[in-house]
């Protein structure tokens, strides 16, 4: 079992910024794609952004131009910088990592962190 530890989140006014971070154990060498998902009450979990080990990124249309995903491979850490936040960004944000161990690929999730944007 690989534990992902998330930091960041909180309450911010519309137009503000937050940064989320998520770390997998540094001892794990096979951390591939990492990403962020979010789930608002009554909604399904949706992809926010993900980034490959090589740095290729993909964003949901709703966050393009406002959010930036990045990672530090040496630290097995992924970041999500969120600017120009809107009330509709309010959700629980979950970190996700695809990990290859002994050629077996599994997907792991963080515990979730609440982001609340007030209008």
C-alpha atoms as a PDB file:
ATOM      1  CA  UNK A   1       0.000   0.000   0.000  1.00  0.00           C
ATOM      2  CA  UNK A   2       1.343   3.411  -0.973  1.00  0.00           C
ATOM      3  CA  UNK A   3       0.220   6.322   1.146  1.00  0.00           C
ATOM      4  CA  UNK A   4      -0.155   9.710  -0.506  1.00  0.00           C
ATOM      5  CA  UNK A   5      -0.038  12.659   1.868  1.00  0.00           C
ATOM      6  CA  UNK A   6      -1.744  15.861   0.857  1.00  0.00           C
ATOM      7  CA  UNK A   7      -1.158  19.394   2.113  1.00  0.00           C
ATOM      8  CA  UNK A   8      -2.826  22.689   1.396  1.00  0.00           C
ATOM      9  CA  UNK A   9      -6.428  23.537   0.825  1.00  0.00           C
ATOM     10  CA  UNK A  10      -8.604  25.748   2.962  1.00  0.00           C
ATOM     11  CA  UNK A  11     -10.939  28.697   2.635  1.00  0.00           C
ATOM     12  CA  UNK A  12     -10.247  31.505   0.192  1.00  0.00           C
ATOM     13  CA  UNK A  13     -12.214  34.333  -1.364  1.00  0.00           C
ATOM     14  CA  UNK A  14     -13.086  34.299  -5.033  1.00  0.00           C
ATOM     15  CA  UNK A  15     -10.159  35.509  -7.080  1.00  0.00           C
ATOM     16  CA  UNK A  16      -7.664  34.214  -4.572  1.00  0.00           C
ATOM     17  CA  UNK A  17      -5.019  31.522  -4.831  1.00  0.00           C
ATOM     18  CA  UNK A  18      -4.097  28.294  -3.121  1.00  0.00           C
ATOM     19  CA  UNK A  19      -1.443  25.661  -3.588  1.00  0.00           C
ATOM     20  CA  UNK A  20      -1.923  21.968  -2.967  1.00  0.00           C
ATOM     21  CA  UNK A  21       0.860  19.458  -2.620  1.00  0.00           C
ATOM     22  CA  UNK A  22       0.888  15.699  -2.450  1.00  0.00           C
ATOM     23  CA  UNK A  23       3.796  13.412  -1.680  1.00  0.00           C
ATOM     24  CA  UNK A  24       4.377   9.720  -2.220  1.00  0.00           C
ATOM     25  CA  UNK A  25       7.140   7.999  -0.255  1.00  0.00           C
ATOM     26  CA  UNK A  26      10.511   8.989  -1.725  1.00  0.00           C
ATOM     27  CA  UNK A  27      11.651   5.368  -1.484  1.00  0.00           C
ATOM     28  CA  UNK A  28       9.302   4.394  -4.319  1.00  0.00           C
ATOM     29  CA  UNK A  29      11.003   4.613  -7.700  1.00  0.00           C
ATOM     30  CA  UNK A  30       8.103   3.815 -10.010  1.00  0.00           C
ATOM     31  CA  UNK A  31       5.798   6.777  -9.583  1.00  0.00           C
ATOM     32  CA  UNK A  32       4.441   7.489 -13.036  1.00  0.00           C
ATOM     33  CA  UNK A  33       1.544   9.823 -13.777  1.00  0.00           C
ATOM     34  CA  UNK A  34       0.372  11.952 -10.867  1.00  0.00           C
ATOM     35  CA  UNK A  35      -2.694  14.102 -10.810  1.00  0.00           C
ATOM     36  CA  UNK A  36      -5.470  15.883  -9.029  1.00  0.00           C
ATOM     37  CA  UNK A  37      -9.165  15.122  -9.049  1.00  0.00           C
ATOM     38  CA  UNK A  38     -11.996  16.885  -7.279  1.00  0.00           C
ATOM     39  CA  UNK A  39     -15.453  16.030  -6.070  1.00  0.00           C
ATOM     40  CA  UNK A  40     -18.128  18.524  -5.157  1.00  0.00           C
ATOM     41  CA  UNK A  41     -21.211  17.482  -3.167  1.00  0.00           C
ATOM     42  CA  UNK A  42     -23.635  15.616  -5.381  1.00  0.00           C
ATOM     43  CA  UNK A  43     -21.149  15.382  -8.229  1.00  0.00           C
ATOM     44  CA  UNK A  44     -18.895  12.668  -9.532  1.00  0.00           C
ATOM     45  CA  UNK A  45     -15.180  12.851  -9.030  1.00  0.00           C
ATOM     46  CA  UNK A  46     -13.609  14.618 -11.981  1.00  0.00           C
ATOM     47  CA  UNK A  47     -10.120  15.085 -13.319  1.00  0.00           C
ATOM     48  CA  UNK A  48      -8.581  18.482 -12.660  1.00  0.00           C
ATOM     49  CA  UNK A  49      -5.114  17.932 -14.088  1.00  0.00           C
ATOM     50  CA  UNK A  50      -2.443  15.297 -14.414  1.00  0.00           C
ATOM     51  CA  UNK A  51       1.242  15.247 -15.235  1.00  0.00           C
ATOM     52  CA  UNK A  52       3.451  12.453 -16.499  1.00  0.00           C
ATOM     53  CA  UNK A  53       6.855  11.679 -15.128  1.00  0.00           C
ATOM     54  CA  UNK A  54       8.304  13.405 -18.181  1.00  0.00           C
ATOM     55  CA  UNK A  55       6.314  16.571 -17.515  1.00  0.00           C
ATOM     56  CA  UNK A  56       3.487  16.335 -20.029  1.00  0.00           C
ATOM     57  CA  UNK A  57       0.332  17.871 -18.634  1.00  0.00           C
ATOM     58  CA  UNK A  58      -3.387  17.713 -19.214  1.00  0.00           C
ATOM     59  CA  UNK A  59      -6.049  19.988 -17.733  1.00  0.00           C
ATOM     60  CA  UNK A  60      -9.795  20.049 -17.472  1.00  0.00           C
ATOM     61  CA  UNK A  61     -11.219  22.814 -19.631  1.00  0.00           C
ATOM     62  CA  UNK A  62     -12.724  24.486 -16.581  1.00  0.00           C
ATOM     63  CA  UNK A  63      -9.315  25.146 -15.030  1.00  0.00           C
ATOM     64  CA  UNK A  64      -7.140  25.840 -18.066  1.00  0.00           C
ATOM     65  CA  UNK A  65      -5.280  29.102 -17.708  1.00  0.00           C
ATOM     66  CA  UNK A  66      -5.964  29.281 -13.966  1.00  0.00           C
ATOM     67  CA  UNK A  67      -4.420  26.129 -12.506  1.00  0.00           C
ATOM     68  CA  UNK A  68      -0.887  24.848 -12.960  1.00  0.00           C
ATOM     69  CA  UNK A  69       0.259  21.333 -12.132  1.00  0.00           C
ATOM     70  CA  UNK A  70       3.915  20.559 -11.560  1.00  0.00           C
ATOM     71  CA  UNK A  71       6.003  17.867  -9.915  1.00  0.00           C
ATOM     72  CA  UNK A  72       9.342  17.179  -8.333  1.00  0.00           C
ATOM     73  CA  UNK A  73      10.368  13.653  -9.301  1.00  0.00           C
ATOM     74  CA  UNK A  74      13.171  13.529  -6.741  1.00  0.00           C
ATOM     75  CA  UNK A  75      10.632  14.111  -3.987  1.00  0.00           C
ATOM     76  CA  UNK A  76       7.772  12.140  -5.564  1.00  0.00           C
ATOM     77  CA  UNK A  77       5.678  15.243  -5.033  1.00  0.00           C
ATOM     78  CA  UNK A  78       3.023  16.839  -7.198  1.00  0.00           C
ATOM     79  CA  UNK A  79       1.754  20.389  -6.805  1.00  0.00           C
ATOM     80  CA  UNK A  80      -1.347  22.208  -7.943  1.00  0.00           C
ATOM     81  CA  UNK A  81      -1.201  25.972  -8.048  1.00  0.00           C
ATOM     82  CA  UNK A  82      -4.723  27.387  -8.240  1.00  0.00           C
ATOM     83  CA  UNK A  83      -5.190  31.023  -9.224  1.00  0.00           C
ATOM     84  CA  UNK A  84      -8.294  33.097  -9.899  1.00  0.00           C
ATOM     85  CA  UNK A  85     -10.354  30.703  -7.851  1.00  0.00           C
ATOM     86  CA  UNK A  86     -14.113  30.653  -8.350  1.00  0.00           C
ATOM     87  CA  UNK A  87     -16.900  29.437  -6.060  1.00  0.00           C
ATOM     88  CA  UNK A  88     -17.473  26.559  -8.478  1.00  0.00           C
ATOM     89  CA  UNK A  89     -13.970  25.310  -7.689  1.00  0.00           C
ATOM     90  CA  UNK A  90     -15.206  24.401  -4.219  1.00  0.00           C
ATOM     91  CA  UNK A  91     -14.713  20.666  -3.733  1.00  0.00           C
ATOM     92  CA  UNK A  92     -12.657  18.024  -2.017  1.00  0.00           C
ATOM     93  CA  UNK A  93      -9.447  17.661  -3.986  1.00  0.00           C
ATOM     94  CA  UNK A  94      -7.809  14.247  -4.211  1.00  0.00           C
ATOM     95  CA  UNK A  95      -4.280  13.434  -5.231  1.00  0.00           C
ATOM     96  CA  UNK A  96      -3.783  10.429  -7.488  1.00  0.00           C
ATOM     97  CA  UNK A  97      -0.659   8.513  -8.435  1.00  0.00           C
ATOM     98  CA  UNK A  98       0.032   5.635 -10.778  1.00  0.00           C
ATOM     99  CA  UNK A  99       2.763   3.507  -9.243  1.00  0.00           C
ATOM    100  CA  UNK A 100       4.680   0.669 -10.829  1.00  0.00           C
ATOM    101  CA  UNK A 101       6.161  -1.843  -8.374  1.00  0.00           C
ATOM    102  CA  UNK A 102       7.695  -5.070  -9.692  1.00  0.00           C
ATOM    103  CA  UNK A 103       6.021  -4.379 -13.063  1.00  0.00           C
ATOM    104  CA  UNK A 104       2.604  -4.241 -11.442  1.00  0.00           C
ATOM    105  CA  UNK A 105       0.802  -0.906 -11.862  1.00  0.00           C
ATOM    106  CA  UNK A 106      -1.600   0.294  -9.222  1.00  0.00           C
ATOM    107  CA  UNK A 107      -3.385   3.568  -8.646  1.00  0.00           C
ATOM    108  CA  UNK A 108      -3.401   5.227  -5.256  1.00  0.00           C
ATOM    109  CA  UNK A 109      -5.359   8.113  -3.782  1.00  0.00           C
ATOM    110  CA  UNK A 110      -4.706  10.719  -1.158  1.00  0.00           C
ATOM    111  CA  UNK A 111      -7.093  11.327   1.711  1.00  0.00           C
ATOM    112  CA  UNK A 112      -8.565  14.438   0.138  1.00  0.00           C
ATOM    113  CA  UNK A 113      -8.321  18.077   1.127  1.00  0.00           C
ATOM    114  CA  UNK A 114     -11.174  20.563   1.201  1.00  0.00           C
ATOM    115  CA  UNK A 115     -11.000  23.681  -0.930  1.00  0.00           C
ATOM    116  CA  UNK A 116     -13.741  26.227  -0.304  1.00  0.00           C
ATOM    117  CA  UNK A 117     -14.039  29.392  -2.369  1.00  0.00           C
ATOM    118  CA  UNK A 118     -16.374  32.044  -1.025  1.00  0.00           C
ATOM    119  CA  UNK A 119     -18.085  34.567  -3.270  1.00  0.00           C
END
